[in-house]
Amino acid sequence: MLFVDFMASRSLLVVDADPAVHAFVAGFLQRQDREIQTVFDGGEALERLRTAPCDLLLAGQGRNGFNGLNLLRRARAIRPATKVILAGEAGPAPVLEAIRERAWSYFHKPLPENPLADMVQQALDSPSRTWGEDIRLLSARPEWVALDIRCKLEAADRATQFLKEIHADLPVGVREDAAAAFRELLLNAIEHGAKSDARKRGRASFIRTSRSLIVHVADPGAGFSFDFLPHAAVSNPADAPIRHVEIRAEHGQRPGGFGILMARNMVDELIYNERGNAVLFVKYLK
């Protein structure tokens, strides 16, 4: 068995009917501490899972009518702890089913190299045994999706990828701005609202109208006042544009504090509630 940095080799099983997908994925996912197996058929994938455990399953469209969702459901009965990243068609329907079935993530084809590589690494690094409950689907109407999210970093990254996929039809710039703003605000909710307590949960809603994408984030905290937010760039006085950096260092906080300011610059409207524990932004579809 290979040992790199004192960690055992991780096993990945790639399932897809297209040989080009196997070659592409293996090219950028191969690492010294990983064992990657590839199969073309869902039935063969299930046999592999019966024979030996697998850390991560990357499931696309297999032969004989097997798609990723079918494989996920049957694989879970054999290896409940195996994480599954689904690869398939663009559109909200398969993404919402993926969330409902507790897939780790979802990517539409053609697969993006860097985002998929990052998500695979996160899935392999996650020590959580309760990850399946990190994201719960509360509303599955494509025009109104609501999620209940555990207050932890990896859940925020996964929820952000789901947002991108649900609204994959949007222009790239609009979609990326909305996703980046959502991630920043969700991280603020996790770090400041929930105090990074993974026992707590927040909520997010993605509302799509004919002219806009509206995103709402609520955290379980007591809220805050914009009159006293010295650790955030949004509160810096005009003559001291990086004062919040000094304040964060004085209090032993990680570098950052640009989340609200960044979000404001990426969306068209951003509004907090009176308590400061819920925020809504609007991105117009021009």
Protein backbone atom coordinates (compact mmCIF):
# COMPACT_ATOMS: atom_id res chain seq x y z
CA MET A 1 0.00 0.00 0.00
CA LEU A 2 1.26 3.48 -0.86
CA PHE A 3 1.80 5.97 1.93
CA VAL A 4 2.23 9.64 1.17
CA ASP A 5 2.40 12.15 4.00
CA PHE A 6 1.44 9.25 6.28
CA MET A 7 -1.97 8.86 4.62
CA ALA A 8 -3.24 5.72 2.92
CA SER A 9 -4.01 5.67 -0.77
CA ARG A 10 -7.51 6.88 -1.70
CA SER A 11 -9.65 4.94 -4.13
CA LEU A 12 -11.71 6.55 -6.91
CA LEU A 13 -14.05 4.69 -9.24
CA VAL A 14 -14.95 6.49 -12.49
CA VAL A 15 -18.03 5.25 -14.35
CA ASP A 16 -18.88 6.50 -17.85
CA ALA A 17 -19.69 4.96 -21.21
CA ASP A 18 -17.37 7.40 -23.01
CA PRO A 19 -13.67 6.40 -23.11
CA ALA A 20 -12.75 10.05 -23.70
CA VAL A 21 -14.20 10.94 -20.29
CA HIS A 22 -12.00 8.31 -18.63
CA ALA A 23 -8.86 9.64 -20.29
CA PHE A 24 -9.74 13.26 -19.51
CA VAL A 25 -10.61 12.67 -15.86
CA ALA A 26 -7.67 10.38 -15.14
CA GLY A 27 -5.35 12.98 -16.63
CA PHE A 28 -6.06 15.66 -14.04
CA LEU A 29 -7.22 13.57 -11.07
CA GLN A 30 -4.27 11.21 -10.87
CA ARG A 31 -2.13 11.68 -7.77
CA GLN A 32 0.54 9.59 -6.12
CA ASP A 33 -1.76 8.87 -3.18
CA ARG A 34 -4.77 7.86 -5.33
CA GLU A 35 -5.87 4.68 -7.02
CA ILE A 36 -8.21 5.40 -9.95
CA GLN A 37 -10.26 2.62 -11.53
CA THR A 38 -12.45 3.15 -14.59
CA VAL A 39 -15.43 1.13 -15.80
CA PHE A 40 -17.95 1.66 -18.60
CA ASP A 41 -20.95 -0.12 -17.15
CA GLY A 42 -23.00 0.47 -14.00
CA GLY A 43 -23.30 -3.23 -13.34
CA GLU A 44 -19.54 -3.62 -13.36
CA ALA A 45 -19.24 -0.65 -11.01
CA LEU A 46 -21.60 -2.33 -8.55
CA GLU A 47 -19.54 -5.53 -8.70
CA ARG A 48 -16.42 -3.53 -7.91
CA LEU A 49 -18.17 -1.96 -4.92
CA ARG A 50 -19.28 -5.38 -3.67
CA THR A 51 -15.68 -6.58 -3.86
CA ALA A 52 -13.94 -3.67 -2.14
CA PRO A 53 -14.75 -0.31 -0.54
CA CYS A 54 -14.33 2.90 -2.50
CA ASP A 55 -13.75 6.40 -1.15
CA LEU A 56 -15.33 8.29 -4.04
CA LEU A 57 -17.49 7.39 -7.03
CA LEU A 58 -17.55 9.72 -10.04
CA ALA A 59 -20.66 8.59 -11.87
CA GLY A 60 -21.65 9.65 -15.36
CA GLN A 61 -23.80 8.00 -18.00
CA GLY A 62 -22.98 4.28 -18.12
CA ARG A 63 -23.99 1.65 -20.62
CA ASN A 64 -27.24 -0.33 -20.55
CA GLY A 65 -29.36 2.56 -19.30
CA PHE A 66 -27.39 3.21 -16.14
CA ASN A 67 -27.17 6.90 -15.35
CA GLY A 68 -25.44 8.49 -12.39
CA LEU A 69 -28.56 8.75 -10.24
CA ASN A 70 -29.48 5.11 -10.76
CA LEU A 71 -25.97 4.08 -9.85
CA LEU A 72 -25.93 6.33 -6.79
CA ARG A 73 -29.09 4.76 -5.39
CA ARG A 74 -27.87 1.21 -5.89
CA ALA A 75 -24.32 1.94 -4.76
CA ARG A 76 -25.57 3.39 -1.48
CA ALA A 77 -27.19 0.07 -0.60
CA ILE A 78 -23.78 -1.61 -0.98
CA ARG A 79 -21.40 1.05 0.36
CA PRO A 80 -23.35 3.71 2.32
CA ALA A 81 -20.19 5.64 3.24
CA THR A 82 -18.99 6.10 -0.36
CA LYS A 83 -19.28 9.67 -1.55
CA VAL A 84 -20.69 10.19 -5.06
CA ILE A 85 -20.08 13.05 -7.47
CA LEU A 86 -22.52 12.96 -10.38
CA ALA A 87 -21.75 14.04 -13.94
CA GLY A 88 -24.58 14.53 -16.39
CA GLU A 89 -26.70 16.91 -18.40
CA ALA A 90 -27.17 20.58 -17.56
CA GLY A 91 -30.46 21.66 -16.03
CA PRO A 92 -32.11 21.97 -12.62
CA ALA A 93 -34.00 18.64 -12.59
CA PRO A 94 -31.02 16.26 -12.30
CA VAL A 95 -29.24 18.62 -9.91
CA LEU A 96 -32.21 18.75 -7.54
CA GLU A 97 -32.48 14.97 -7.64
CA ALA A 98 -28.76 14.77 -6.87
CA ILE A 99 -29.26 16.95 -3.77
CA ARG A 100 -32.29 14.93 -2.72
CA GLU A 101 -30.30 11.69 -3.06
CA ARG A 102 -27.40 13.17 -1.07
CA ALA A 103 -24.81 13.27 -3.82
CA TRP A 104 -21.62 15.02 -2.76
CA SER A 105 -21.75 17.27 -5.84
CA TYR A 106 -22.92 17.59 -9.43
CA PHE A 107 -21.20 18.76 -12.63
CA HIS A 108 -22.64 18.99 -16.13
CA LYS A 109 -20.64 17.98 -19.17
CA PRO A 110 -18.23 18.98 -20.55
CA LEU A 111 -16.59 18.57 -17.16
CA PRO A 112 -14.62 21.56 -15.83
CA GLU A 113 -11.10 20.51 -14.86
CA ASN A 114 -10.17 22.73 -11.92
CA PRO A 115 -13.56 22.93 -10.13
CA LEU A 116 -14.00 19.15 -10.39
CA ALA A 117 -10.45 18.50 -9.17
CA ASP A 118 -11.03 20.79 -6.17
CA MET A 119 -14.34 19.10 -5.32
CA VAL A 120 -12.80 15.64 -5.58
CA GLN A 121 -9.99 16.68 -3.22
CA GLN A 122 -12.48 18.11 -0.74
CA ALA A 123 -14.56 14.94 -0.81
CA LEU A 124 -11.51 12.76 -0.22
CA ASP A 125 -10.23 15.01 2.59
CA SER A 126 -13.53 15.20 4.45
CA PRO A 127 -13.41 13.14 7.67
CA SER A 128 -17.11 13.64 8.39
CA ARG A 129 -19.30 10.58 8.88
CA THR A 130 -22.48 12.67 8.83
CA TRP A 131 -21.83 14.52 5.55
CA GLY A 132 -25.00 13.07 4.04
CA GLU A 133 -27.06 15.40 6.23
CA ASP A 134 -24.97 18.50 5.55
CA ILE A 135 -27.33 19.76 2.82
CA ARG A 136 -31.07 19.08 2.92
CA LEU A 137 -33.49 19.97 0.15
CA LEU A 138 -36.49 21.91 1.48
CA SER A 139 -38.01 23.14 -1.79
CA ALA A 140 -37.29 21.58 -5.18
CA ARG A 141 -39.22 23.83 -7.54
CA PRO A 142 -36.62 25.05 -10.07
CA GLU A 143 -37.89 28.61 -9.67
CA TRP A 144 -37.70 28.36 -5.87
CA VAL A 145 -35.02 26.11 -4.41
CA ALA A 146 -34.50 26.12 -0.64
CA LEU A 147 -31.68 24.38 1.23
CA ASP A 148 -31.00 23.67 4.89
CA ILE A 149 -27.20 23.76 5.31
CA ARG A 150 -24.94 22.61 8.12
CA CYS A 151 -22.64 25.44 9.23
CA LYS A 152 -19.32 24.13 7.94
CA LEU A 153 -16.94 25.19 5.18
CA GLU A 154 -17.24 22.14 2.94
CA ALA A 155 -21.05 22.39 2.99
CA ALA A 156 -20.74 26.00 1.79
CA ASP A 157 -18.53 24.96 -1.12
CA ARG A 158 -20.91 22.15 -2.07
CA ALA A 159 -23.97 24.41 -1.88
CA THR A 160 -22.21 26.95 -4.11
CA GLN A 161 -21.56 24.31 -6.77
CA PHE A 162 -25.21 23.21 -6.60
CA LEU A 163 -26.27 26.85 -7.13
CA LYS A 164 -24.08 27.04 -10.25
CA GLU A 165 -25.56 23.85 -11.64
CA ILE A 166 -29.19 24.70 -10.90
CA HIS A 167 -28.74 27.91 -12.89
CA ALA A 168 -26.29 26.59 -15.49
CA ASP A 169 -28.29 28.25 -18.27
CA LEU A 170 -27.35 31.74 -17.10
CA PRO A 171 -24.52 33.63 -18.82
CA VAL A 172 -21.20 32.60 -17.29
CA GLY A 173 -20.44 36.02 -15.83
CA VAL A 174 -23.85 36.34 -14.18
CA ARG A 175 -23.69 32.83 -12.78
CA GLU A 176 -20.14 33.18 -11.44
CA ASP A 177 -20.87 36.56 -9.81
CA ALA A 178 -23.98 35.19 -8.11
CA ALA A 179 -22.17 32.07 -6.93
CA ALA A 180 -19.20 34.03 -5.58
CA ALA A 181 -21.47 36.48 -3.73
CA PHE A 182 -23.51 33.60 -2.30
CA ARG A 183 -20.38 31.80 -1.07
CA GLU A 184 -19.02 34.93 0.64
CA LEU A 185 -22.31 35.63 2.40
CA LEU A 186 -22.76 31.99 3.40
CA LEU A 187 -19.23 31.89 4.82
CA ASN A 188 -20.00 35.04 6.81
CA ALA A 189 -23.13 33.34 8.14
CA ILE A 190 -21.12 30.27 9.13
CA GLU A 191 -18.17 32.10 10.67
CA HIS A 192 -19.95 34.98 12.40
CA GLY A 193 -23.56 33.89 12.73
CA ALA A 194 -22.96 30.28 13.73
CA LYS A 195 -19.47 30.85 15.17
CA SER A 196 -18.29 27.94 12.98
CA ASP A 197 -20.38 25.54 15.08
CA ALA A 198 -21.19 22.57 12.83
CA ARG A 199 -24.06 21.62 15.15
CA LYS A 200 -25.92 24.66 13.87
CA ARG A 201 -27.68 25.08 10.53
CA GLY A 202 -28.55 27.92 8.20
CA ARG A 203 -30.87 28.26 5.23
CA ALA A 204 -30.48 29.44 1.67
CA SER A 205 -33.03 30.04 -1.07
CA PHE A 206 -32.47 30.58 -4.80
CA ILE A 207 -35.45 32.30 -6.43
CA ARG A 208 -35.54 32.68 -10.20
CA THR A 209 -37.81 35.16 -11.95
CA SER A 210 -37.92 36.10 -15.62
CA ARG A 211 -35.72 39.13 -14.90
CA SER A 212 -33.60 38.24 -11.89
CA LEU A 213 -31.94 35.70 -9.63
CA ILE A 214 -32.70 36.36 -5.96
CA VAL A 215 -30.64 34.64 -3.28
CA HIS A 216 -31.52 34.65 0.42
CA VAL A 217 -29.22 33.46 3.24
CA ALA A 218 -30.25 33.20 6.91
CA ASP A 219 -27.99 32.11 9.76
CA PRO A 220 -28.80 30.88 13.30
CA GLY A 221 -26.97 33.74 15.03
CA ALA A 222 -28.15 36.78 16.95
CA GLY A 223 -27.25 39.09 14.08
CA PHE A 224 -25.11 42.23 13.94
CA SER A 225 -25.33 45.97 13.43
CA PHE A 226 -23.64 47.83 10.60
CA ASP A 227 -22.96 50.54 13.17
CA PHE A 228 -20.48 48.18 14.84
CA LEU A 229 -18.72 45.96 12.36
CA PRO A 230 -15.06 46.95 12.77
CA HIS A 231 -13.66 43.63 11.49
CA ALA A 232 -15.23 44.08 8.03
CA ALA A 233 -13.95 46.16 5.11
CA VAL A 234 -17.43 47.56 4.55
CA SER A 235 -17.04 49.59 7.79
CA ASN A 236 -13.61 51.08 7.09
CA PRO A 237 -13.45 54.88 7.31
CA ALA A 238 -12.54 56.70 4.09
CA ASP A 239 -9.14 57.71 5.45
CA ALA A 240 -8.24 54.18 6.65
CA PRO A 241 -9.21 51.68 3.89
CA ILE A 242 -7.50 48.70 5.56
CA ARG A 243 -8.29 49.45 9.20
CA HIS A 244 -10.31 46.24 9.50
CA VAL A 245 -7.18 44.18 8.68
CA GLU A 246 -5.43 45.61 11.73
CA ILE A 247 -8.48 44.98 13.93
CA ARG A 248 -8.74 41.36 12.79
CA ALA A 249 -5.05 40.81 13.55
CA GLU A 250 -5.45 42.36 16.99
CA HIS A 251 -8.27 39.93 17.78
CA GLY A 252 -6.53 36.87 16.33
CA GLN A 253 -9.02 36.52 13.45
CA ARG A 254 -8.04 35.05 10.08
CA PRO A 255 -7.22 37.46 7.23
CA GLY A 256 -10.35 38.49 5.39
CA GLY A 257 -13.32 40.68 6.14
CA PHE A 258 -14.01 41.60 2.52
CA GLY A 259 -17.07 39.36 2.08
CA ILE A 260 -19.87 41.94 2.26
CA LEU A 261 -17.91 44.46 0.20
CA MET A 262 -17.13 41.85 -2.46
CA ALA A 263 -20.73 40.67 -2.57
CA ARG A 264 -21.99 44.24 -3.01
CA ASN A 265 -19.69 44.68 -5.99
CA MET A 266 -20.86 41.47 -7.68
CA VAL A 267 -24.63 41.87 -7.40
CA ASP A 268 -27.15 44.60 -8.19
CA GLU A 269 -28.91 44.88 -4.84
CA LEU A 270 -27.98 43.60 -1.38
CA ILE A 271 -30.21 44.00 1.69
CA TYR A 272 -29.85 42.81 5.30
CA ASN A 273 -32.74 42.39 7.70
CA GLU A 274 -32.98 44.50 10.85
CA ARG A 275 -31.30 41.92 13.10
CA GLY A 276 -28.48 41.32 10.64
CA ASN A 277 -28.88 37.54 10.58
CA ALA A 278 -30.42 37.32 7.09
CA VAL A 279 -29.35 38.82 3.79
CA LEU A 280 -30.91 38.94 0.34
CA PHE A 281 -29.30 39.88 -2.95
CA VAL A 282 -30.62 40.40 -6.46
CA LYS A 283 -28.72 39.77 -9.67
CA TYR A 284 -30.56 41.12 -12.68
CA LEU A 285 -30.61 39.05 -15.87
CA LYS A 286 -29.70 41.64 -18.45
